[in-house]
Amino acid sequence: MSSRSATATPTGVAVCCALLSAVVHLVIAPEHLAETLYIGILFIAGGVALLLTAGALALWNSVTAWWAGALVSGGMILGFALSRTIGLPGYHEQGWDPPYGVLSIIAEGMYLVAFFAWYGTRSAHASSARVPQEGPRGQMTWPQEPKVLSVGAAKGRDRLGPWMRWRDRERM
């Protein structure tokens, strides 16, 4: 399995879940605006944030979008749980509010599952890239980062020309 297909699955799931949760929250926002103003505003803000997250994930697979979506989804799950247990200021709901409550909890939970799958594959690739190696006297050393060379460097000219410090020239 290629690395492209391994990252496409969590991204696709996350985009679909973010869109579903955004639509659910935006559809019921007017009802909550009439009931408790700040809850309706939070529904709109969360819905818009998840729409932006879905777009950024679909277009760029942005790390910032992944984290923003995880924070918004986690916050929505927390708000749902608090509003049905101890209540929020001026707002207390009973039950799951079917079908919207169930849909949003499933979508937000699945977004978080996709986020952790993405984060796990990202961490695995990052940690396997640099593995300690045994040095000349038996001590473990970390390999150096690869040097980026320009086309000119292959011809004997380095990228920074005469402005490169002497110490840096010795490393190349």
N, C-alpha and C. Protein backbone atom coordinates (compact mmCIF):
# COMPACT_ATOMS: atom_id res chain seq x y z
N MET A 1 0.85 -1.17 0.00
CA MET A 1 0.00 0.00 0.00
C MET A 1 0.90 1.23 0.00
N SER A 2 0.64 2.16 -0.86
CA SER A 2 1.46 3.36 -0.96
C SER A 2 1.10 4.34 0.16
N SER A 3 2.01 5.27 0.44
CA SER A 3 1.75 6.25 1.48
C SER A 3 0.61 7.19 1.09
N ARG A 4 0.39 7.38 -0.19
CA ARG A 4 -0.71 8.23 -0.65
C ARG A 4 -2.05 7.64 -0.27
N SER A 5 -2.23 6.34 -0.47
CA SER A 5 -3.51 5.73 -0.14
C SER A 5 -3.71 5.64 1.37
N ALA A 6 -2.62 5.57 2.13
CA ALA A 6 -2.74 5.51 3.59
C ALA A 6 -3.23 6.83 4.16
N THR A 7 -2.89 7.95 3.54
CA THR A 7 -3.34 9.24 4.05
C THR A 7 -4.65 9.69 3.41
N ALA A 8 -5.02 9.12 2.27
CA ALA A 8 -6.25 9.53 1.62
C ALA A 8 -7.48 9.08 2.40
N THR A 9 -7.44 7.93 3.02
CA THR A 9 -8.60 7.41 3.74
C THR A 9 -8.96 8.27 4.95
N PRO A 10 -8.04 8.57 5.88
CA PRO A 10 -8.43 9.43 6.99
C PRO A 10 -8.86 10.83 6.53
N THR A 11 -8.23 11.35 5.49
CA THR A 11 -8.59 12.67 5.00
C THR A 11 -10.01 12.67 4.43
N GLY A 12 -10.34 11.67 3.64
CA GLY A 12 -11.68 11.58 3.08
C GLY A 12 -12.75 11.43 4.15
N VAL A 13 -12.48 10.59 5.15
CA VAL A 13 -13.43 10.42 6.26
C VAL A 13 -13.59 11.73 7.01
N ALA A 14 -12.47 12.41 7.26
CA ALA A 14 -12.53 13.67 8.01
C ALA A 14 -13.32 14.73 7.26
N VAL A 15 -13.12 14.83 5.95
CA VAL A 15 -13.85 15.82 5.15
C VAL A 15 -15.36 15.54 5.21
N CYS A 16 -15.74 14.28 5.02
CA CYS A 16 -17.17 13.93 5.05
C CYS A 16 -17.78 14.19 6.43
N CYS A 17 -17.06 13.83 7.48
CA CYS A 17 -17.57 14.04 8.84
C CYS A 17 -17.68 15.52 9.18
N ALA A 18 -16.68 16.29 8.77
CA ALA A 18 -16.73 17.73 9.03
C ALA A 18 -17.90 18.38 8.30
N LEU A 19 -18.12 17.97 7.04
CA LEU A 19 -19.26 18.50 6.29
C LEU A 19 -20.59 18.12 6.92
N LEU A 20 -20.73 16.86 7.33
CA LEU A 20 -21.98 16.42 7.95
C LEU A 20 -22.25 17.18 9.23
N SER A 21 -21.26 17.30 10.09
CA SER A 21 -21.44 18.01 11.35
C SER A 21 -21.74 19.49 11.11
N ALA A 22 -21.07 20.10 10.13
CA ALA A 22 -21.32 21.51 9.81
C ALA A 22 -22.75 21.71 9.34
N VAL A 23 -23.22 20.85 8.45
CA VAL A 23 -24.58 20.98 7.94
C VAL A 23 -25.60 20.81 9.06
N VAL A 24 -25.40 19.82 9.91
CA VAL A 24 -26.32 19.59 11.03
C VAL A 24 -26.39 20.83 11.91
N HIS A 25 -25.25 21.38 12.27
CA HIS A 25 -25.24 22.54 13.17
C HIS A 25 -25.82 23.79 12.51
N LEU A 26 -25.56 23.98 11.23
CA LEU A 26 -26.10 25.15 10.55
C LEU A 26 -27.61 25.03 10.32
N VAL A 27 -28.10 23.80 10.13
CA VAL A 27 -29.54 23.61 9.94
C VAL A 27 -30.32 23.92 11.22
N ILE A 28 -29.79 23.51 12.37
CA ILE A 28 -30.54 23.74 13.62
C ILE A 28 -30.13 25.01 14.34
N ALA A 29 -29.21 25.78 13.78
CA ALA A 29 -28.78 27.03 14.42
C ALA A 29 -29.92 28.03 14.60
N PRO A 30 -30.83 28.25 13.63
CA PRO A 30 -31.90 29.23 13.83
C PRO A 30 -32.80 28.90 15.04
N GLU A 31 -33.07 27.61 15.21
CA GLU A 31 -33.87 27.18 16.36
C GLU A 31 -33.17 27.52 17.68
N HIS A 32 -31.85 27.33 17.72
CA HIS A 32 -31.10 27.62 18.93
C HIS A 32 -30.88 29.12 19.12
N LEU A 33 -30.80 29.87 18.03
CA LEU A 33 -30.71 31.34 18.15
C LEU A 33 -31.95 31.89 18.84
N ALA A 34 -33.11 31.36 18.49
CA ALA A 34 -34.36 31.82 19.09
C ALA A 34 -34.46 31.40 20.56
N GLU A 35 -33.92 30.23 20.87
CA GLU A 35 -34.02 29.70 22.24
C GLU A 35 -33.01 30.35 23.18
N THR A 36 -31.72 30.25 22.84
CA THR A 36 -30.64 30.84 23.64
C THR A 36 -29.62 31.40 22.66
N LEU A 37 -29.49 32.71 22.64
CA LEU A 37 -28.70 33.40 21.62
C LEU A 37 -27.27 32.88 21.51
N TYR A 38 -26.56 32.76 22.64
CA TYR A 38 -25.15 32.39 22.54
C TYR A 38 -24.97 30.95 22.05
N ILE A 39 -25.90 30.08 22.32
CA ILE A 39 -25.82 28.70 21.81
C ILE A 39 -25.98 28.71 20.29
N GLY A 40 -26.91 29.49 19.78
CA GLY A 40 -27.09 29.61 18.34
C GLY A 40 -25.86 30.17 17.66
N ILE A 41 -25.24 31.17 18.29
CA ILE A 41 -24.00 31.74 17.73
C ILE A 41 -22.88 30.70 17.73
N LEU A 42 -22.78 29.91 18.80
CA LEU A 42 -21.78 28.84 18.84
C LEU A 42 -22.04 27.78 17.75
N PHE A 43 -23.31 27.48 17.50
CA PHE A 43 -23.65 26.53 16.43
C PHE A 43 -23.19 27.07 15.08
N ILE A 44 -23.44 28.34 14.83
CA ILE A 44 -23.03 28.96 13.56
C ILE A 44 -21.50 28.98 13.44
N ALA A 45 -20.83 29.40 14.52
CA ALA A 45 -19.36 29.47 14.50
C ALA A 45 -18.76 28.08 14.28
N GLY A 46 -19.28 27.08 14.97
CA GLY A 46 -18.77 25.72 14.81
C GLY A 46 -19.04 25.18 13.41
N GLY A 47 -20.23 25.46 12.89
CA GLY A 47 -20.56 25.00 11.53
C GLY A 47 -19.67 25.63 10.49
N VAL A 48 -19.45 26.93 10.60
CA VAL A 48 -18.57 27.63 9.63
C VAL A 48 -17.13 27.12 9.77
N ALA A 49 -16.68 26.94 11.01
CA ALA A 49 -15.31 26.44 11.23
C ALA A 49 -15.13 25.06 10.60
N LEU A 50 -16.14 24.21 10.71
CA LEU A 50 -16.02 22.87 10.12
C LEU A 50 -16.14 22.91 8.60
N LEU A 51 -16.90 23.86 8.06
CA LEU A 51 -16.92 24.02 6.59
C LEU A 51 -15.53 24.43 6.08
N LEU A 52 -14.91 25.37 6.77
CA LEU A 52 -13.55 25.80 6.40
C LEU A 52 -12.55 24.66 6.56
N THR A 53 -12.71 23.89 7.63
CA THR A 53 -11.84 22.74 7.86
C THR A 53 -11.96 21.74 6.73
N ALA A 54 -13.20 21.41 6.35
CA ALA A 54 -13.42 20.45 5.27
C ALA A 54 -12.78 20.94 3.97
N GLY A 55 -12.94 22.22 3.67
CA GLY A 55 -12.35 22.78 2.46
C GLY A 55 -10.83 22.73 2.49
N ALA A 56 -10.25 23.11 3.62
CA ALA A 56 -8.78 23.09 3.73
C ALA A 56 -8.23 21.67 3.66
N LEU A 57 -8.94 20.73 4.25
CA LEU A 57 -8.49 19.34 4.16
C LEU A 57 -8.60 18.80 2.74
N ALA A 58 -9.70 19.11 2.08
CA ALA A 58 -9.91 18.61 0.72
C ALA A 58 -8.92 19.21 -0.27
N LEU A 59 -8.61 20.49 -0.10
CA LEU A 59 -7.73 21.15 -1.05
C LEU A 59 -6.25 20.98 -0.74
N TRP A 60 -5.88 21.10 0.54
CA TRP A 60 -4.46 21.15 0.89
C TRP A 60 -4.02 20.10 1.89
N ASN A 61 -4.95 19.38 2.52
CA ASN A 61 -4.63 18.42 3.59
C ASN A 61 -3.76 19.11 4.65
N SER A 62 -4.20 20.26 5.08
CA SER A 62 -3.45 21.14 5.97
C SER A 62 -3.40 20.61 7.40
N VAL A 63 -2.22 20.68 8.01
CA VAL A 63 -2.04 20.28 9.41
C VAL A 63 -2.90 21.17 10.30
N THR A 64 -2.94 22.46 10.01
CA THR A 64 -3.76 23.39 10.79
C THR A 64 -5.23 23.02 10.71
N ALA A 65 -5.69 22.62 9.55
CA ALA A 65 -7.09 22.22 9.40
C ALA A 65 -7.39 20.97 10.21
N TRP A 66 -6.46 20.01 10.21
CA TRP A 66 -6.66 18.81 11.01
C TRP A 66 -6.83 19.17 12.49
N TRP A 67 -5.94 20.00 12.99
CA TRP A 67 -6.01 20.37 14.41
C TRP A 67 -7.24 21.22 14.71
N ALA A 68 -7.57 22.15 13.84
CA ALA A 68 -8.76 22.98 14.06
C ALA A 68 -10.01 22.12 14.08
N GLY A 69 -10.12 21.20 13.15
CA GLY A 69 -11.28 20.31 13.11
C GLY A 69 -11.37 19.44 14.35
N ALA A 70 -10.21 18.96 14.83
CA ALA A 70 -10.20 18.14 16.04
C ALA A 70 -10.65 18.95 17.26
N LEU A 71 -10.17 20.18 17.35
CA LEU A 71 -10.57 21.02 18.48
C LEU A 71 -12.06 21.38 18.43
N VAL A 72 -12.55 21.72 17.24
CA VAL A 72 -13.97 22.07 17.11
C VAL A 72 -14.84 20.85 17.37
N SER A 73 -14.48 19.71 16.81
CA SER A 73 -15.28 18.49 17.02
C SER A 73 -15.26 18.07 18.48
N GLY A 74 -14.09 18.11 19.09
CA GLY A 74 -14.00 17.79 20.52
C GLY A 74 -14.81 18.75 21.37
N GLY A 75 -14.75 20.04 21.01
CA GLY A 75 -15.54 21.04 21.74
C GLY A 75 -17.03 20.83 21.58
N MET A 76 -17.44 20.42 20.39
CA MET A 76 -18.87 20.17 20.17
C MET A 76 -19.35 18.96 20.96
N ILE A 77 -18.53 17.92 21.01
CA ILE A 77 -18.89 16.75 21.81
C ILE A 77 -18.97 17.13 23.29
N LEU A 78 -18.00 17.91 23.75
CA LEU A 78 -18.01 18.36 25.15
C LEU A 78 -19.23 19.21 25.44
N GLY A 79 -19.55 20.15 24.55
CA GLY A 79 -20.73 20.99 24.74
C GLY A 79 -22.01 20.18 24.75
N PHE A 80 -22.10 19.18 23.89
CA PHE A 80 -23.27 18.29 23.85
C PHE A 80 -23.42 17.56 25.18
N ALA A 81 -22.30 17.00 25.67
CA ALA A 81 -22.34 16.26 26.93
C ALA A 81 -22.68 17.16 28.11
N LEU A 82 -22.08 18.33 28.16
CA LEU A 82 -22.36 19.26 29.27
C LEU A 82 -23.79 19.75 29.24
N SER A 83 -24.33 20.02 28.06
CA SER A 83 -25.69 20.54 27.97
C SER A 83 -26.73 19.50 28.39
N ARG A 84 -26.36 18.25 28.39
CA ARG A 84 -27.29 17.19 28.77
C ARG A 84 -27.02 16.63 30.15
N THR A 85 -25.96 17.04 30.79
CA THR A 85 -25.66 16.56 32.15
C THR A 85 -25.82 17.71 33.15
N ILE A 86 -24.79 18.51 33.33
CA ILE A 86 -24.88 19.59 34.32
C ILE A 86 -25.50 20.86 33.74
N GLY A 87 -25.60 20.92 32.42
CA GLY A 87 -26.19 22.08 31.76
C GLY A 87 -25.18 23.18 31.53
N LEU A 88 -25.52 24.06 30.60
CA LEU A 88 -24.73 25.24 30.31
C LEU A 88 -25.50 26.45 30.84
N PRO A 89 -24.86 27.59 31.03
CA PRO A 89 -25.59 28.76 31.56
C PRO A 89 -26.81 29.11 30.71
N GLY A 90 -27.98 28.99 31.30
CA GLY A 90 -29.23 29.32 30.62
C GLY A 90 -29.66 28.32 29.57
N TYR A 91 -29.05 27.14 29.58
CA TYR A 91 -29.36 26.15 28.53
C TYR A 91 -29.17 24.74 29.09
N HIS A 92 -30.24 23.96 29.05
CA HIS A 92 -30.17 22.56 29.47
C HIS A 92 -31.09 21.75 28.58
N GLU A 93 -30.57 20.73 27.94
CA GLU A 93 -31.34 19.88 27.04
C GLU A 93 -31.56 18.51 27.68
N GLN A 94 -32.59 17.84 27.22
CA GLN A 94 -32.88 16.48 27.66
C GLN A 94 -32.74 15.54 26.48
N GLY A 95 -32.14 14.40 26.65
CA GLY A 95 -32.06 13.38 25.61
C GLY A 95 -31.07 13.68 24.51
N TRP A 96 -31.17 12.86 23.45
CA TRP A 96 -30.22 12.90 22.35
C TRP A 96 -30.63 13.82 21.22
N ASP A 97 -31.82 14.37 21.26
CA ASP A 97 -32.32 15.27 20.22
C ASP A 97 -32.23 14.62 18.83
N PRO A 98 -32.89 13.41 18.66
CA PRO A 98 -32.79 12.74 17.36
C PRO A 98 -33.46 13.54 16.26
N PRO A 99 -33.02 13.45 15.05
CA PRO A 99 -31.84 12.74 14.54
C PRO A 99 -30.58 13.59 14.60
N TYR A 100 -30.73 14.89 14.88
CA TYR A 100 -29.57 15.79 14.79
C TYR A 100 -28.49 15.50 15.82
N GLY A 101 -28.88 15.25 17.05
CA GLY A 101 -27.89 14.97 18.10
C GLY A 101 -27.08 13.72 17.79
N VAL A 102 -27.77 12.68 17.36
CA VAL A 102 -27.09 11.42 17.04
C VAL A 102 -26.16 11.60 15.85
N LEU A 103 -26.64 12.26 14.80
CA LEU A 103 -25.81 12.49 13.61
C LEU A 103 -24.55 13.29 13.95
N SER A 104 -24.73 14.35 14.73
CA SER A 104 -23.57 15.20 15.02
C SER A 104 -22.56 14.48 15.90
N ILE A 105 -23.02 13.72 16.89
CA ILE A 105 -22.08 12.99 17.75
C ILE A 105 -21.32 11.94 16.95
N ILE A 106 -22.02 11.22 16.07
CA ILE A 106 -21.34 10.22 15.24
C ILE A 106 -20.33 10.89 14.31
N ALA A 107 -20.72 11.98 13.66
CA ALA A 107 -19.82 12.67 12.73
C ALA A 107 -18.60 13.23 13.46
N GLU A 108 -18.81 13.85 14.60
CA GLU A 108 -17.69 14.43 15.34
C GLU A 108 -16.78 13.35 15.92
N GLY A 109 -17.37 12.26 16.40
CA GLY A 109 -16.56 11.15 16.90
C GLY A 109 -15.74 10.51 15.80
N MET A 110 -16.34 10.33 14.62
CA MET A 110 -15.62 9.75 13.49
C MET A 110 -14.52 10.69 12.99
N TYR A 111 -14.77 12.01 13.06
CA TYR A 111 -13.71 12.95 12.70
C TYR A 111 -12.51 12.74 13.61
N LEU A 112 -12.76 12.59 14.92
CA LEU A 112 -11.66 12.40 15.86
C LEU A 112 -10.94 11.08 15.60
N VAL A 113 -11.68 10.02 15.24
CA VAL A 113 -11.04 8.75 14.89
C VAL A 113 -10.14 8.94 13.67
N ALA A 114 -10.63 9.65 12.65
CA ALA A 114 -9.83 9.92 11.46
C ALA A 114 -8.62 10.77 11.82
N PHE A 115 -8.80 11.75 12.71
CA PHE A 115 -7.69 12.61 13.14
C PHE A 115 -6.60 11.77 13.80
N PHE A 116 -6.98 10.88 14.71
CA PHE A 116 -5.97 10.06 15.39
C PHE A 116 -5.31 9.07 14.43
N ALA A 117 -6.05 8.57 13.45
CA ALA A 117 -5.45 7.71 12.43
C ALA A 117 -4.43 8.49 11.61
N TRP A 118 -4.81 9.72 11.20
CA TRP A 118 -3.88 10.58 10.45
C TRP A 118 -2.66 10.92 11.30
N TYR A 119 -2.88 11.27 12.55
CA TYR A 119 -1.79 11.65 13.44
C TYR A 119 -0.85 10.48 13.69
N GLY A 120 -1.42 9.27 13.80
CA GLY A 120 -0.60 8.08 14.01
C GLY A 120 0.27 7.77 12.81
N THR A 121 -0.28 7.88 11.60
CA THR A 121 0.53 7.62 10.41
C THR A 121 1.57 8.72 10.23
N ARG A 122 1.20 9.94 10.57
CA ARG A 122 2.14 11.06 10.45
C ARG A 122 3.29 10.88 11.44
N SER A 123 3.00 10.51 12.68
CA SER A 123 4.03 10.30 13.69
C SER A 123 4.92 9.12 13.34
N ALA A 124 4.32 8.05 12.79
CA ALA A 124 5.10 6.87 12.43
C ALA A 124 6.10 7.20 11.33
N HIS A 125 5.68 7.98 10.33
CA HIS A 125 6.59 8.35 9.25
C HIS A 125 7.68 9.28 9.75
N ALA A 126 7.33 10.20 10.63
CA ALA A 126 8.31 11.16 11.13
C ALA A 126 9.34 10.48 12.02
N SER A 127 8.92 9.53 12.86
CA SER A 127 9.87 8.90 13.76
C SER A 127 10.74 7.87 13.06
N SER A 128 10.26 7.26 11.97
CA SER A 128 11.07 6.26 11.28
C SER A 128 12.08 6.89 10.35
N ALA A 129 11.94 8.18 10.07
CA ALA A 129 12.84 8.84 9.15
C ALA A 129 14.24 8.97 9.73
N ARG A 130 14.35 9.16 11.02
CA ARG A 130 15.65 9.33 11.65
C ARG A 130 15.82 8.27 12.73
N VAL A 131 16.66 7.29 12.48
CA VAL A 131 16.91 6.21 13.41
C VAL A 131 18.36 6.33 13.86
N PRO A 132 18.62 6.18 15.18
CA PRO A 132 20.01 6.30 15.62
C PRO A 132 20.89 5.20 15.02
N GLN A 133 22.13 5.57 14.75
CA GLN A 133 23.09 4.63 14.17
C GLN A 133 24.29 4.53 15.08
N GLU A 134 25.01 3.43 14.97
CA GLU A 134 26.19 3.24 15.80
C GLU A 134 27.34 4.05 15.22
N GLY A 135 27.96 4.85 16.08
CA GLY A 135 29.07 5.70 15.67
C GLY A 135 30.38 4.93 15.61
N PRO A 136 31.51 5.66 15.35
CA PRO A 136 32.81 5.00 15.19
C PRO A 136 33.30 4.30 16.45
N ARG A 137 32.95 4.77 17.64
CA ARG A 137 33.43 4.16 18.87
C ARG A 137 32.32 3.38 19.60
N GLY A 138 31.28 3.03 18.91
CA GLY A 138 30.22 2.23 19.51
C GLY A 138 29.08 3.05 20.12
N GLN A 139 29.23 4.37 20.19
CA GLN A 139 28.14 5.17 20.74
C GLN A 139 27.08 5.42 19.67
N MET A 140 25.84 5.56 20.14
CA MET A 140 24.72 5.77 19.22
C MET A 140 24.66 7.25 18.85
N THR A 141 24.54 7.53 17.56
CA THR A 141 24.44 8.90 17.08
C THR A 141 23.24 9.02 16.15
N TRP A 142 22.69 10.20 16.08
CA TRP A 142 21.58 10.47 15.17
C TRP A 142 22.14 10.94 13.84
N PRO A 143 21.61 10.44 12.74
CA PRO A 143 22.09 10.90 11.44
C PRO A 143 21.77 12.37 11.23
N GLN A 144 22.62 13.04 10.49
CA GLN A 144 22.40 14.45 10.22
C GLN A 144 21.30 14.61 9.19
N GLU A 145 20.65 15.76 9.25
CA GLU A 145 19.63 16.07 8.27
C GLU A 145 20.28 16.15 6.89
N PRO A 146 19.59 15.70 5.85
CA PRO A 146 20.17 15.80 4.51
C PRO A 146 20.36 17.25 4.10
N LYS A 147 21.43 17.51 3.41
CA LYS A 147 21.70 18.87 2.97
C LYS A 147 21.00 19.12 1.64
N VAL A 148 20.43 20.30 1.50
CA VAL A 148 19.77 20.67 0.27
C VAL A 148 20.79 21.38 -0.60
N LEU A 149 21.02 20.83 -1.75
CA LEU A 149 22.00 21.42 -2.67
C LEU A 149 21.29 21.89 -3.93
N SER A 150 21.81 22.94 -4.48
CA SER A 150 21.25 23.45 -5.73
C SER A 150 21.97 22.81 -6.91
N VAL A 151 21.52 23.10 -8.11
CA VAL A 151 22.18 22.60 -9.31
C VAL A 151 23.60 23.12 -9.37
N GLY A 152 23.81 24.35 -8.92
CA GLY A 152 25.14 24.93 -8.93
C GLY A 152 26.10 24.19 -8.02
N ALA A 153 25.60 23.61 -6.94
CA ALA A 153 26.46 22.88 -6.02
C ALA A 153 27.02 21.64 -6.68
N ALA A 154 26.27 21.03 -7.57
CA ALA A 154 26.77 19.85 -8.27
C ALA A 154 27.93 20.21 -9.19
N LYS A 155 27.98 21.46 -9.62
CA LYS A 155 29.05 21.91 -10.51
C LYS A 155 30.20 22.54 -9.72
N GLY A 156 30.17 22.40 -8.39
CA GLY A 156 31.25 22.94 -7.58
C GLY A 156 30.93 24.29 -6.98
N ARG A 157 29.76 24.86 -7.26
CA ARG A 157 29.38 26.14 -6.68
C ARG A 157 28.28 25.89 -5.67
N ASP A 158 28.41 26.46 -4.51
CA ASP A 158 27.35 26.28 -3.52
C ASP A 158 26.26 27.32 -3.71
N ARG A 159 25.14 27.10 -3.05
CA ARG A 159 23.96 27.93 -3.26
C ARG A 159 24.14 29.36 -2.75
N LEU A 160 24.91 29.55 -1.69
CA LEU A 160 25.03 30.87 -1.10
C LEU A 160 26.22 31.67 -1.62
N GLY A 161 27.02 31.05 -2.46
CA GLY A 161 28.13 31.75 -3.08
C GLY A 161 29.14 32.27 -2.06
N PRO A 162 29.73 33.42 -2.31
CA PRO A 162 30.78 33.93 -1.43
C PRO A 162 30.26 34.40 -0.07
N TRP A 163 28.93 34.49 0.10
CA TRP A 163 28.39 34.96 1.37
C TRP A 163 28.29 33.86 2.41
N MET A 164 28.53 32.62 2.03
CA MET A 164 28.44 31.51 2.97
C MET A 164 29.61 31.59 3.95
N ARG A 165 29.32 31.36 5.21
CA ARG A 165 30.39 31.41 6.20
C ARG A 165 31.34 30.24 6.00
N TRP A 166 32.61 30.45 6.37
CA TRP A 166 33.64 29.44 6.17
C TRP A 166 33.29 28.14 6.90
N ARG A 167 32.72 28.25 8.08
CA ARG A 167 32.34 27.07 8.86
C ARG A 167 31.32 26.23 8.10
N ASP A 168 30.37 26.87 7.42
CA ASP A 168 29.36 26.17 6.66
C ASP A 168 29.94 25.50 5.41
N ARG A 169 30.98 26.09 4.84
CA ARG A 169 31.61 25.49 3.67
C ARG A 169 32.23 24.14 4.03
N GLU A 170 32.80 24.05 5.24
CA GLU A 170 33.46 22.81 5.64
C GLU A 170 32.44 21.68 5.81
N ARG A 171 31.23 21.99 6.18
CA ARG A 171 30.20 20.95 6.37
C ARG A 171 29.76 20.33 5.05
N MET A 172 29.80 21.11 3.99
CA MET A 172 29.34 20.62 2.70
C MET A 172 30.44 19.81 2.11
